[in-house]
Protein backbone atom coordinates (compact mmCIF):
# COMPACT_ATOMS: atom_id res chain seq x y z
CA MET A 1 -196.22 -68.05 95.53
CA THR A 2 -194.82 -64.69 96.55
CA VAL A 3 -195.87 -62.88 99.69
CA GLY A 4 -197.78 -60.39 97.54
CA GLU A 5 -199.69 -63.18 95.81
CA ILE A 6 -200.51 -64.81 99.14
CA LEU A 7 -201.85 -61.49 100.44
CA TRP A 8 -204.00 -61.03 97.32
CA VAL A 9 -205.38 -64.57 97.55
CA SER A 10 -206.12 -64.02 101.26
CA PHE A 11 -207.87 -60.75 100.39
CA GLY A 12 -209.92 -62.53 97.72
CA MET A 13 -210.82 -65.30 100.19
CA LEU A 14 -211.98 -62.67 102.69
CA GLY A 15 -214.27 -61.24 100.02
CA GLN A 16 -215.65 -64.69 99.25
CA ILE A 17 -216.22 -65.42 102.94
CA LEU A 18 -218.10 -62.14 103.41
CA PHE A 19 -220.12 -62.77 100.27
CA SER A 20 -221.03 -66.28 101.44
CA LEU A 21 -221.83 -65.18 105.01
CA ARG A 22 -224.70 -63.09 103.66
CA PHE A 23 -226.67 -66.30 103.10
CA VAL A 24 -226.04 -67.45 106.67
CA PHE A 25 -227.33 -64.11 107.99
CA GLN A 26 -230.36 -64.31 105.70
CA TRP A 27 -231.10 -67.87 106.75
CA LEU A 28 -230.85 -67.04 110.48
CA ALA A 29 -233.07 -63.97 110.09
CA SER A 30 -235.64 -66.04 108.19
CA GLU A 31 -235.62 -68.76 110.84
CA LYS A 32 -236.14 -66.15 113.56
CA ALA A 33 -239.04 -64.53 111.67
CA HIS A 34 -240.51 -67.87 110.58
CA LYS A 35 -240.70 -66.53 107.03
CA THR A 36 -238.30 -65.54 104.28
CA VAL A 37 -236.74 -62.14 104.99
CA ILE A 38 -233.73 -60.27 103.65
CA PRO A 39 -232.08 -58.35 106.50
CA TYR A 40 -230.04 -55.18 106.13
CA SER A 41 -226.90 -57.18 106.98
CA PHE A 42 -227.45 -59.27 103.83
CA TRP A 43 -227.00 -56.19 101.66
CA VAL A 44 -224.03 -54.87 103.67
CA LEU A 45 -222.22 -58.20 103.36
CA SER A 46 -223.13 -58.31 99.66
CA ILE A 47 -221.58 -54.89 99.10
CA ALA A 48 -218.45 -55.60 101.14
CA GLY A 49 -217.92 -58.98 99.51
CA SER A 50 -218.53 -57.65 96.01
CA ILE A 51 -216.16 -54.71 96.43
CA ILE A 52 -213.38 -56.96 97.70
CA LEU A 53 -214.03 -59.59 95.02
CA SER A 54 -214.12 -56.86 92.36
CA ALA A 55 -210.75 -55.54 93.51
CA TYR A 56 -209.36 -59.08 93.46
CA ALA A 57 -210.80 -59.68 89.96
CA ILE A 58 -209.23 -56.44 88.71
CA TYR A 59 -205.88 -57.52 90.20
CA ARG A 60 -206.23 -60.88 88.42
CA LYS A 61 -207.28 -59.09 85.22
CA ASP A 62 -210.20 -61.50 84.87
CA PRO A 63 -212.91 -59.85 82.71
CA VAL A 64 -215.51 -62.55 83.45
CA PHE A 65 -215.02 -62.17 87.20
CA ILE A 66 -214.98 -58.36 86.94
CA LEU A 67 -218.21 -58.33 84.94
CA GLY A 68 -219.81 -60.76 87.37
CA GLN A 69 -219.02 -58.78 90.53
CA THR A 70 -218.59 -55.07 89.85
CA PRO A 71 -222.06 -54.11 88.53
CA SER A 72 -223.79 -55.93 91.38
CA VAL A 73 -222.40 -53.44 93.91
CA PHE A 74 -224.73 -50.78 92.49
CA ILE A 75 -227.71 -53.13 92.70
CA TYR A 76 -226.95 -53.90 96.35
CA VAL A 77 -226.65 -50.20 97.19
CA ARG A 78 -229.99 -49.54 95.46
CA ASN A 79 -231.62 -52.34 97.44
CA ILE A 80 -230.43 -50.75 100.69
CA MET A 81 -231.90 -47.44 99.53
CA LEU A 82 -235.22 -49.14 98.75
CA GLN A 83 -235.25 -50.95 102.10
CA LYS A 84 -234.49 -47.76 104.05
CA GLY A 85 -237.22 -45.88 102.15
CA ALA A 86 -239.75 -48.61 102.92
CA GLU A 87 -238.78 -48.56 106.61
CA GLN A 88 -239.21 -44.79 106.75
CA ARG A 89 -242.64 -45.01 105.11
CA GLU A 90 -243.66 -47.73 107.55
CA SER A 91 -242.55 -45.72 110.57
CA GLN A 92 -244.32 -42.61 109.26
CA GLY A 93 -247.46 -44.67 108.66
CA ALA A 94 -247.25 -46.08 112.19
CA GLY A 95 -246.91 -42.55 113.56
CA VAL A 96 -250.01 -41.41 111.65
CA GLU A 97 -251.97 -44.43 112.90
CA GLN A 98 -250.91 -43.71 116.48
CA GLN A 99 -252.11 -40.09 116.13
CA ARG A 100 -255.48 -41.34 114.81
CA GLN A 101 -255.83 -43.64 117.81
CA GLU A 102 -255.03 -40.79 120.20
CA VAL A 103 -257.62 -38.54 118.54
CA LYS A 104 -260.24 -41.30 118.82
CA ALA A 105 -259.39 -41.82 122.48
CA GLU A 106 -259.82 -38.10 123.21
CA ALA A 107 -263.21 -37.96 121.50
């Protein structure tokens, strides 16, 4: 193998490691919460791993690999957007509830 090929394989392995680590992060977060959860880091690792693996697949000119990885990046980004929106709604709802409690306490 040439140096260039070794670098590309190493780059692809990095992508695979990042992509696989997402499950470790998800498992640890679920154990900590004592229920199944999908943390923000799961989606970040999914995006990073998929982008790297997509680049590697394009380098390899592997249409099956490209089709398997590239579209998922958009799904992972959308999931982060949905998660952030839900967190914002929750925090706004908590703020409204706190204001209600303060009004009740004043009355």
